[in-house]
Amino acid sequence: MKKELVLSWNDEGSVEKGGGLEEDEVYQISSGDEDCSRGMKKWITEYHQRRPGVKVLQQRIDDFITAHDAQEEQARKEREARAAEGGWTVVVHNKGRKKTTDTESGIVVGSVAQAAVMDKMDKKKSKEVGLDFYRFQKREAKRNEIMTLQSKFEQDKQRIQQLRAARKFRPC
């Protein structure tokens, strides 16, 4: 048995209570008439009719998505059929990652090579700051490199002179 709390307005303008209460009951406000064609009851019924509920809404969404997918598939097939009638070969580009298995046979096809992964990792900029971050450090490094090259050149020059002096220099 369902008990309701009925609140109604009396002639003096105050609210009267009617019925028993329990904590988990639904409270309804009655305006005295049970006519749903006007007033608060009309608004409440319209509100509930416009919002059908989660299950009904999910069903409507699922129906819409399946119908939309079927419509897109049908349009795609029609485009391909029109192109095939004209003697054209339809080439389709699929976005996304490359498949590692063949769909027909289920055989594993070559996946991304380890060398390609390492090459990609090398191309990424390193997050750490290098030794020649500042301009003066770059200039110093360049100057040092030039100095070492000059010293090696001078050493090679001296060695060639010594070999010529010893008459053992034989250029090949």
N, C-alpha and C. Protein backbone atom coordinates (compact mmCIF):
# COMPACT_ATOMS: atom_id res chain seq x y z
N MET A 1 0.84 -1.17 0.00
CA MET A 1 0.00 0.00 0.00
C MET A 1 0.89 1.24 0.00
N LYS A 2 0.62 2.17 -0.91
CA LYS A 2 1.42 3.35 -1.08
C LYS A 2 0.77 4.52 -0.37
N LYS A 3 1.55 5.16 0.48
CA LYS A 3 1.04 6.32 1.19
C LYS A 3 1.61 7.56 0.56
N GLU A 4 0.84 8.58 0.48
CA GLU A 4 1.27 9.84 -0.11
C GLU A 4 1.07 10.97 0.88
N LEU A 5 1.95 11.93 0.80
CA LEU A 5 1.77 13.14 1.57
C LEU A 5 1.06 14.11 0.66
N VAL A 6 -0.09 14.52 1.03
CA VAL A 6 -0.87 15.43 0.21
C VAL A 6 -0.88 16.78 0.89
N LEU A 7 -0.41 17.78 0.20
CA LEU A 7 -0.42 19.14 0.70
C LEU A 7 -1.48 19.91 -0.09
N SER A 8 -2.37 20.56 0.59
CA SER A 8 -3.41 21.32 -0.10
C SER A 8 -3.58 22.67 0.58
N TRP A 9 -4.09 23.61 -0.15
CA TRP A 9 -4.33 24.95 0.36
C TRP A 9 -5.74 25.03 0.93
N ASN A 10 -5.85 25.57 2.13
CA ASN A 10 -7.19 25.76 2.70
C ASN A 10 -7.66 27.19 2.44
N ASP A 11 -8.84 27.51 2.95
CA ASP A 11 -9.44 28.83 2.70
C ASP A 11 -8.65 29.97 3.34
N GLU A 12 -7.91 29.69 4.39
CA GLU A 12 -7.19 30.75 5.10
C GLU A 12 -5.84 31.04 4.44
N GLY A 13 -5.41 30.27 3.45
CA GLY A 13 -4.14 30.50 2.77
C GLY A 13 -3.00 29.71 3.37
N SER A 14 -3.27 28.78 4.28
CA SER A 14 -2.20 27.97 4.85
C SER A 14 -2.23 26.57 4.24
N VAL A 15 -1.18 25.83 4.47
CA VAL A 15 -1.04 24.50 3.87
C VAL A 15 -1.49 23.46 4.87
N GLU A 16 -2.28 22.49 4.39
CA GLU A 16 -2.73 21.39 5.23
C GLU A 16 -2.03 20.11 4.80
N LYS A 17 -1.70 19.26 5.78
CA LYS A 17 -1.09 17.96 5.50
C LYS A 17 -2.16 16.91 5.54
N GLY A 18 -1.96 15.90 4.69
CA GLY A 18 -2.88 14.78 4.72
C GLY A 18 -2.11 13.50 4.46
N GLY A 19 -2.49 12.39 5.04
CA GLY A 19 -1.84 11.10 4.80
C GLY A 19 -0.66 10.88 5.73
N GLY A 20 -0.15 9.65 5.76
CA GLY A 20 0.99 9.31 6.60
C GLY A 20 2.30 9.47 5.85
N LEU A 21 3.41 9.46 6.56
CA LEU A 21 4.73 9.68 5.97
C LEU A 21 5.64 8.50 6.25
N GLU A 22 6.49 8.22 5.30
CA GLU A 22 7.65 7.36 5.51
C GLU A 22 8.82 8.06 4.84
N GLU A 23 10.04 7.73 5.24
CA GLU A 23 11.21 8.46 4.76
C GLU A 23 11.46 8.28 3.26
N ASP A 24 11.16 7.12 2.71
CA ASP A 24 11.48 6.87 1.32
C ASP A 24 10.29 7.08 0.37
N GLU A 25 9.32 7.84 0.79
CA GLU A 25 8.15 8.07 -0.04
C GLU A 25 8.34 9.25 -0.96
N VAL A 26 7.53 9.28 -2.00
CA VAL A 26 7.53 10.39 -2.95
C VAL A 26 6.54 11.42 -2.46
N TYR A 27 6.97 12.67 -2.47
CA TYR A 27 6.12 13.76 -2.03
C TYR A 27 5.45 14.38 -3.25
N GLN A 28 4.15 14.53 -3.20
CA GLN A 28 3.43 15.16 -4.29
C GLN A 28 2.63 16.32 -3.72
N ILE A 29 2.61 17.36 -4.48
CA ILE A 29 1.84 18.53 -4.07
C ILE A 29 0.56 18.53 -4.89
N SER A 30 -0.56 18.57 -4.23
CA SER A 30 -1.84 18.56 -4.91
C SER A 30 -2.45 19.95 -4.83
N SER A 31 -2.97 20.41 -5.93
CA SER A 31 -3.59 21.73 -5.95
C SER A 31 -5.08 21.63 -5.72
N GLY A 32 -5.56 20.47 -5.40
CA GLY A 32 -6.97 20.30 -5.14
C GLY A 32 -7.69 19.65 -6.29
N ASP A 33 -7.31 19.95 -7.51
CA ASP A 33 -7.95 19.32 -8.66
C ASP A 33 -6.97 18.34 -9.30
N GLU A 34 -7.48 17.28 -9.85
CA GLU A 34 -6.65 16.25 -10.46
C GLU A 34 -6.59 16.40 -11.97
N ASP A 35 -6.97 17.53 -12.48
CA ASP A 35 -6.96 17.79 -13.92
C ASP A 35 -5.51 18.06 -14.35
N CYS A 36 -4.99 17.30 -15.33
CA CYS A 36 -3.60 17.42 -15.78
C CYS A 36 -3.46 18.34 -16.98
N SER A 37 -4.53 19.05 -17.34
CA SER A 37 -4.46 19.87 -18.54
C SER A 37 -3.92 21.26 -18.28
N ARG A 38 -3.71 21.62 -17.02
CA ARG A 38 -3.16 22.94 -16.72
C ARG A 38 -2.42 22.91 -15.40
N GLY A 39 -1.61 23.92 -15.21
CA GLY A 39 -0.92 24.09 -13.94
C GLY A 39 0.36 23.27 -13.83
N MET A 40 0.74 23.07 -12.60
CA MET A 40 2.00 22.39 -12.28
C MET A 40 2.00 20.95 -12.77
N LYS A 41 0.88 20.24 -12.63
CA LYS A 41 0.81 18.85 -13.06
C LYS A 41 1.05 18.73 -14.56
N LYS A 42 0.53 19.68 -15.33
CA LYS A 42 0.73 19.67 -16.77
C LYS A 42 2.22 19.82 -17.09
N TRP A 43 2.89 20.72 -16.42
CA TRP A 43 4.31 20.94 -16.65
C TRP A 43 5.13 19.72 -16.28
N ILE A 44 4.78 19.11 -15.16
CA ILE A 44 5.51 17.92 -14.71
C ILE A 44 5.33 16.77 -15.69
N THR A 45 4.09 16.54 -16.14
CA THR A 45 3.85 15.45 -17.11
C THR A 45 4.56 15.73 -18.43
N GLU A 46 4.54 16.98 -18.89
CA GLU A 46 5.27 17.33 -20.13
C GLU A 46 6.77 17.09 -19.96
N TYR A 47 7.29 17.45 -18.81
CA TYR A 47 8.72 17.28 -18.53
C TYR A 47 9.09 15.80 -18.60
N HIS A 48 8.31 14.95 -17.96
CA HIS A 48 8.61 13.52 -17.94
C HIS A 48 8.39 12.87 -19.30
N GLN A 49 7.46 13.38 -20.09
CA GLN A 49 7.24 12.82 -21.42
C GLN A 49 8.40 13.17 -22.36
N ARG A 50 9.01 14.33 -22.18
CA ARG A 50 10.12 14.74 -23.03
C ARG A 50 11.40 13.99 -22.71
N ARG A 51 11.54 13.51 -21.49
CA ARG A 51 12.75 12.80 -21.07
C ARG A 51 12.40 11.34 -20.81
N PRO A 52 12.63 10.48 -21.81
CA PRO A 52 12.11 9.12 -21.72
C PRO A 52 12.84 8.20 -20.75
N GLY A 53 14.10 8.44 -20.47
CA GLY A 53 14.84 7.55 -19.58
C GLY A 53 16.09 7.04 -20.26
N VAL A 54 16.99 6.46 -19.48
CA VAL A 54 18.29 6.05 -19.99
C VAL A 54 18.18 4.88 -20.96
N LYS A 55 17.38 3.87 -20.64
CA LYS A 55 17.28 2.69 -21.50
C LYS A 55 16.67 3.02 -22.86
N VAL A 56 15.61 3.79 -22.85
CA VAL A 56 14.96 4.16 -24.11
C VAL A 56 15.90 5.04 -24.93
N LEU A 57 16.57 5.99 -24.27
CA LEU A 57 17.51 6.87 -24.96
C LEU A 57 18.66 6.08 -25.56
N GLN A 58 19.21 5.12 -24.82
CA GLN A 58 20.30 4.29 -25.34
C GLN A 58 19.83 3.48 -26.54
N GLN A 59 18.62 2.96 -26.48
CA GLN A 59 18.08 2.20 -27.61
C GLN A 59 17.93 3.08 -28.84
N ARG A 60 17.45 4.31 -28.66
CA ARG A 60 17.31 5.24 -29.79
C ARG A 60 18.68 5.57 -30.39
N ILE A 61 19.66 5.78 -29.54
CA ILE A 61 21.01 6.10 -30.02
C ILE A 61 21.58 4.92 -30.81
N ASP A 62 21.43 3.70 -30.28
CA ASP A 62 21.93 2.52 -30.96
C ASP A 62 21.26 2.34 -32.33
N ASP A 63 19.95 2.54 -32.37
CA ASP A 63 19.22 2.41 -33.63
C ASP A 63 19.71 3.45 -34.65
N PHE A 64 19.92 4.68 -34.19
CA PHE A 64 20.39 5.74 -35.09
C PHE A 64 21.78 5.42 -35.64
N ILE A 65 22.67 4.93 -34.77
CA ILE A 65 24.04 4.65 -35.21
C ILE A 65 24.06 3.50 -36.21
N THR A 66 23.32 2.46 -35.96
CA THR A 66 23.30 1.33 -36.91
C THR A 66 22.70 1.77 -38.24
N ALA A 67 21.64 2.58 -38.21
CA ALA A 67 21.04 3.07 -39.45
C ALA A 67 22.02 3.97 -40.21
N HIS A 68 22.74 4.82 -39.48
CA HIS A 68 23.71 5.72 -40.12
C HIS A 68 24.86 4.93 -40.74
N ASP A 69 25.37 3.92 -40.04
CA ASP A 69 26.44 3.09 -40.58
C ASP A 69 25.99 2.35 -41.84
N ALA A 70 24.77 1.82 -41.79
CA ALA A 70 24.23 1.12 -42.96
C ALA A 70 24.08 2.08 -44.14
N GLN A 71 23.64 3.29 -43.88
CA GLN A 71 23.47 4.29 -44.93
C GLN A 71 24.82 4.67 -45.55
N GLU A 72 25.83 4.86 -44.73
CA GLU A 72 27.17 5.18 -45.24
C GLU A 72 27.75 4.03 -46.05
N GLU A 73 27.56 2.81 -45.60
CA GLU A 73 28.05 1.64 -46.32
C GLU A 73 27.36 1.53 -47.68
N GLN A 74 26.05 1.77 -47.71
CA GLN A 74 25.30 1.73 -48.96
C GLN A 74 25.81 2.80 -49.93
N ALA A 75 26.05 4.01 -49.42
CA ALA A 75 26.56 5.10 -50.27
C ALA A 75 27.94 4.76 -50.82
N ARG A 76 28.79 4.15 -50.01
CA ARG A 76 30.12 3.76 -50.45
C ARG A 76 30.05 2.70 -51.54
N LYS A 77 29.18 1.73 -51.37
CA LYS A 77 29.03 0.69 -52.38
C LYS A 77 28.52 1.27 -53.69
N GLU A 78 27.59 2.23 -53.62
CA GLU A 78 27.07 2.86 -54.83
C GLU A 78 28.18 3.63 -55.55
N ARG A 79 29.01 4.36 -54.81
CA ARG A 79 30.12 5.10 -55.43
C ARG A 79 31.09 4.15 -56.12
N GLU A 80 31.41 3.04 -55.45
CA GLU A 80 32.33 2.07 -56.04
C GLU A 80 31.73 1.43 -57.28
N ALA A 81 30.42 1.15 -57.25
CA ALA A 81 29.75 0.54 -58.40
C ALA A 81 29.75 1.50 -59.58
N ARG A 82 29.48 2.79 -59.32
CA ARG A 82 29.51 3.80 -60.39
C ARG A 82 30.91 3.91 -61.00
N ALA A 83 31.93 3.87 -60.15
CA ALA A 83 33.30 3.98 -60.64
C ALA A 83 33.68 2.73 -61.43
N ALA A 84 33.21 1.56 -61.00
CA ALA A 84 33.52 0.31 -61.70
C ALA A 84 32.82 0.26 -63.05
N GLU A 85 31.63 0.83 -63.15
CA GLU A 85 30.92 0.85 -64.42
C GLU A 85 31.68 1.66 -65.46
N GLY A 86 32.33 2.72 -65.04
CA GLY A 86 33.07 3.57 -65.96
C GLY A 86 34.42 3.00 -66.34
N GLY A 87 34.79 1.85 -65.82
CA GLY A 87 36.06 1.23 -66.14
C GLY A 87 37.21 1.71 -65.27
N TRP A 88 36.90 2.38 -64.20
CA TRP A 88 37.93 2.89 -63.30
C TRP A 88 38.29 1.85 -62.27
N THR A 89 39.52 1.90 -61.81
CA THR A 89 39.96 1.06 -60.71
C THR A 89 39.93 1.91 -59.45
N VAL A 90 39.20 1.46 -58.45
CA VAL A 90 39.05 2.23 -57.23
C VAL A 90 40.21 1.90 -56.30
N VAL A 91 40.94 2.93 -55.90
CA VAL A 91 42.04 2.77 -54.96
C VAL A 91 41.61 3.38 -53.65
N VAL A 92 41.68 2.62 -52.57
CA VAL A 92 41.20 3.09 -51.27
C VAL A 92 42.39 3.25 -50.35
N HIS A 93 42.44 4.37 -49.66
CA HIS A 93 43.49 4.61 -48.67
C HIS A 93 42.88 4.44 -47.28
N ASN A 94 43.44 3.53 -46.51
CA ASN A 94 42.96 3.31 -45.15
C ASN A 94 43.91 3.96 -44.17
N LYS A 95 43.37 4.85 -43.37
CA LYS A 95 44.19 5.48 -42.35
C LYS A 95 44.35 4.53 -41.18
N GLY A 96 45.35 4.78 -40.38
CA GLY A 96 45.55 3.98 -39.18
C GLY A 96 46.85 3.22 -39.25
N ARG A 97 47.09 2.40 -38.26
CA ARG A 97 48.34 1.67 -38.20
C ARG A 97 48.32 0.54 -39.21
N LYS A 98 49.50 0.09 -39.59
CA LYS A 98 49.61 -0.99 -40.55
C LYS A 98 49.31 -2.31 -39.86
N LYS A 99 48.60 -3.16 -40.57
CA LYS A 99 48.23 -4.45 -40.01
C LYS A 99 49.44 -5.37 -39.99
N THR A 100 49.54 -6.17 -38.95
CA THR A 100 50.66 -7.09 -38.85
C THR A 100 50.26 -8.51 -39.23
N THR A 101 48.97 -8.73 -39.51
CA THR A 101 48.53 -10.05 -39.95
C THR A 101 47.73 -9.90 -41.23
N ASP A 102 47.85 -10.90 -42.09
CA ASP A 102 47.08 -10.91 -43.32
C ASP A 102 45.66 -11.32 -42.99
N THR A 103 44.66 -10.58 -43.50
CA THR A 103 43.28 -10.86 -43.12
C THR A 103 42.78 -12.18 -43.69
N GLU A 104 43.23 -12.54 -44.87
CA GLU A 104 42.73 -13.77 -45.49
C GLU A 104 43.34 -15.03 -44.88
N SER A 105 44.66 -15.04 -44.75
CA SER A 105 45.33 -16.26 -44.30
C SER A 105 45.65 -16.27 -42.81
N GLY A 106 45.69 -15.08 -42.18
CA GLY A 106 46.02 -15.02 -40.76
C GLY A 106 47.50 -15.12 -40.48
N ILE A 107 48.32 -15.04 -41.54
CA ILE A 107 49.77 -15.14 -41.40
C ILE A 107 50.32 -13.79 -40.95
N VAL A 108 51.28 -13.85 -40.05
CA VAL A 108 51.89 -12.62 -39.55
C VAL A 108 52.79 -12.04 -40.63
N VAL A 109 52.52 -10.79 -40.97
CA VAL A 109 53.30 -10.09 -41.98
C VAL A 109 54.34 -9.26 -41.23
N GLY A 110 55.41 -8.88 -41.92
CA GLY A 110 56.47 -8.13 -41.26
C GLY A 110 55.96 -6.88 -40.59
N SER A 111 56.25 -6.73 -39.33
CA SER A 111 55.82 -5.55 -38.59
C SER A 111 56.89 -4.48 -38.69
N VAL A 112 56.76 -3.47 -37.90
CA VAL A 112 57.70 -2.36 -37.94
C VAL A 112 59.10 -2.86 -37.55
N ALA A 113 60.06 -2.54 -38.39
CA ALA A 113 61.41 -3.02 -38.15
C ALA A 113 62.03 -2.28 -36.97
N GLN A 114 62.89 -2.98 -36.27
CA GLN A 114 63.57 -2.40 -35.11
C GLN A 114 64.45 -1.23 -35.53
N ALA A 115 65.05 -1.35 -36.70
CA ALA A 115 65.92 -0.27 -37.20
C ALA A 115 65.11 1.01 -37.43
N ALA A 116 63.90 0.86 -37.94
CA ALA A 116 63.06 2.04 -38.18
C ALA A 116 62.69 2.70 -36.86
N VAL A 117 62.43 1.91 -35.85
CA VAL A 117 62.11 2.46 -34.53
C VAL A 117 63.31 3.20 -33.96
N MET A 118 64.48 2.60 -34.07
CA MET A 118 65.69 3.25 -33.55
C MET A 118 65.99 4.53 -34.32
N ASP A 119 65.78 4.52 -35.64
CA ASP A 119 66.01 5.71 -36.45
C ASP A 119 65.09 6.83 -36.02
N LYS A 120 63.84 6.49 -35.75
CA LYS A 120 62.87 7.50 -35.31
C LYS A 120 63.26 8.06 -33.95
N MET A 121 63.75 7.21 -33.08
CA MET A 121 64.17 7.67 -31.75
C MET A 121 65.38 8.59 -31.86
N ASP A 122 66.28 8.31 -32.81
CA ASP A 122 67.46 9.15 -32.99
C ASP A 122 67.08 10.52 -33.53
N LYS A 123 66.04 10.57 -34.35
CA LYS A 123 65.63 11.84 -34.94
C LYS A 123 65.01 12.78 -33.91
N LYS A 124 64.44 12.22 -32.87
CA LYS A 124 63.85 13.06 -31.83
C LYS A 124 64.93 13.86 -31.13
N LYS A 125 64.60 15.08 -30.79
CA LYS A 125 65.57 15.91 -30.08
C LYS A 125 65.71 15.41 -28.65
N SER A 126 66.92 15.43 -28.18
CA SER A 126 67.12 15.03 -26.79
C SER A 126 66.71 16.17 -25.88
N LYS A 127 66.17 15.83 -24.75
CA LYS A 127 65.65 16.83 -23.82
C LYS A 127 66.75 17.46 -22.98
N GLU A 128 67.88 16.79 -22.87
CA GLU A 128 68.94 17.31 -22.02
C GLU A 128 69.77 18.37 -22.76
N VAL A 129 70.32 19.28 -22.01
CA VAL A 129 71.09 20.38 -22.57
C VAL A 129 72.50 19.88 -22.86
N GLY A 130 72.99 20.17 -24.07
CA GLY A 130 74.31 19.73 -24.48
C GLY A 130 75.40 20.59 -23.87
N LEU A 131 76.66 20.20 -24.15
CA LEU A 131 77.79 20.95 -23.61
C LEU A 131 77.91 22.33 -24.26
N ASP A 132 77.52 22.43 -25.52
CA ASP A 132 77.64 23.72 -26.20
C ASP A 132 76.27 24.38 -26.34
N PHE A 133 75.73 24.72 -25.21
CA PHE A 133 74.42 25.37 -25.18
C PHE A 133 74.57 26.85 -25.49
N TYR A 134 75.55 27.46 -24.90
CA TYR A 134 75.75 28.89 -25.11
C TYR A 134 76.60 29.14 -26.36
N ARG A 135 76.48 30.33 -26.93
CA ARG A 135 77.18 30.68 -28.16
C ARG A 135 78.70 30.66 -27.97
N PHE A 136 79.18 31.17 -26.83
CA PHE A 136 80.63 31.19 -26.60
C PHE A 136 81.19 29.77 -26.51
N GLN A 137 80.37 28.83 -25.99
CA GLN A 137 80.83 27.45 -25.92
C GLN A 137 80.94 26.84 -27.32
N LYS A 138 80.01 27.19 -28.19
CA LYS A 138 80.08 26.69 -29.56
C LYS A 138 81.32 27.23 -30.26
N ARG A 139 81.58 28.52 -30.05
CA ARG A 139 82.76 29.12 -30.68
C ARG A 139 84.05 28.47 -30.17
N GLU A 140 84.10 28.23 -28.86
CA GLU A 140 85.29 27.58 -28.28
C GLU A 140 85.49 26.19 -28.86
N ALA A 141 84.40 25.44 -28.97
CA ALA A 141 84.50 24.07 -29.49
C ALA A 141 84.99 24.10 -30.94
N LYS A 142 84.47 25.03 -31.72
CA LYS A 142 84.89 25.15 -33.11
C LYS A 142 86.37 25.54 -33.20
N ARG A 143 86.79 26.48 -32.37
CA ARG A 143 88.18 26.92 -32.35
C ARG A 143 89.11 25.77 -31.96
N ASN A 144 88.71 25.00 -30.95
CA ASN A 144 89.52 23.85 -30.52
C ASN A 144 89.64 22.81 -31.63
N GLU A 145 88.54 22.57 -32.35
CA GLU A 145 88.57 21.61 -33.44
C GLU A 145 89.53 22.07 -34.54
N ILE A 146 89.48 23.36 -34.87
CA ILE A 146 90.39 23.90 -35.89
C ILE A 146 91.84 23.78 -35.43
N MET A 147 92.09 24.05 -34.15
CA MET A 147 93.46 23.96 -33.60
C MET A 147 93.99 22.52 -33.70
N THR A 148 93.15 21.55 -33.37
CA THR A 148 93.60 20.15 -33.45
C THR A 148 93.87 19.75 -34.90
N LEU A 149 93.02 20.20 -35.83
CA LEU A 149 93.25 19.89 -37.24
C LEU A 149 94.56 20.52 -37.72
N GLN A 150 94.82 21.75 -37.31
CA GLN A 150 96.08 22.41 -37.71
C GLN A 150 97.28 21.69 -37.15
N SER A 151 97.20 21.26 -35.89
CA SER A 151 98.34 20.56 -35.29
C SER A 151 98.58 19.22 -35.99
N LYS A 152 97.51 18.50 -36.34
CA LYS A 152 97.66 17.24 -37.07
C LYS A 152 98.27 17.49 -38.45
N PHE A 153 97.84 18.55 -39.10
CA PHE A 153 98.41 18.89 -40.40
C PHE A 153 99.91 19.17 -40.30
N GLU A 154 100.30 19.92 -39.27
CA GLU A 154 101.72 20.22 -39.07
C GLU A 154 102.52 18.95 -38.78
N GLN A 155 101.96 18.03 -38.00
CA GLN A 155 102.65 16.78 -37.70
C GLN A 155 102.83 15.94 -38.97
N ASP A 156 101.76 15.86 -39.78
CA ASP A 156 101.86 15.12 -41.03
C ASP A 156 102.90 15.75 -41.96
N LYS A 157 102.94 17.06 -41.99
CA LYS A 157 103.91 17.79 -42.82
C LYS A 157 105.35 17.46 -42.40
N GLN A 158 105.58 17.45 -41.10
CA GLN A 158 106.92 17.13 -40.59
C GLN A 158 107.29 15.69 -40.91
N ARG A 159 106.36 14.78 -40.76
CA ARG A 159 106.62 13.37 -41.04
C ARG A 159 106.99 13.18 -42.51
N ILE A 160 106.27 13.85 -43.42
CA ILE A 160 106.56 13.76 -44.85
C ILE A 160 107.96 14.31 -45.14
N GLN A 161 108.33 15.40 -44.51
CA GLN A 161 109.69 15.96 -44.70
C GLN A 161 110.76 14.98 -44.23
N GLN A 162 110.53 14.30 -43.11
CA GLN A 162 111.49 13.33 -42.60
C GLN A 162 111.63 12.15 -43.55
N LEU A 163 110.51 11.68 -44.10
CA LEU A 163 110.57 10.57 -45.03
C LEU A 163 111.29 10.97 -46.32
N ARG A 164 111.08 12.20 -46.78
CA ARG A 164 111.79 12.68 -47.99
C ARG A 164 113.29 12.77 -47.71
N ALA A 165 113.57 13.23 -46.51
CA ALA A 165 115.00 13.36 -46.18
C ALA A 165 115.65 11.99 -46.12
N ALA A 166 114.96 11.01 -45.69
CA ALA A 166 115.51 9.66 -45.60
C ALA A 166 115.42 8.94 -46.95
N ARG A 167 114.86 9.53 -47.96
CA ARG A 167 114.70 8.98 -49.31
C ARG A 167 113.90 7.67 -49.29
N LYS A 168 113.01 7.58 -48.33
CA LYS A 168 112.19 6.37 -48.28
C LYS A 168 110.72 6.70 -48.58
N PHE A 169 110.49 7.89 -49.02
CA PHE A 169 109.11 8.31 -49.32
C PHE A 169 108.72 7.80 -50.69
N ARG A 170 107.73 6.94 -50.75
CA ARG A 170 107.22 6.42 -52.01
C ARG A 170 105.71 6.63 -52.05
N PRO A 171 105.30 7.70 -52.74
CA PRO A 171 103.82 7.86 -52.84
C PRO A 171 103.23 6.80 -53.77
N CYS A 172 102.18 6.21 -53.39
CA CYS A 172 101.58 5.12 -54.17
C CYS A 172 100.64 5.58 -55.21
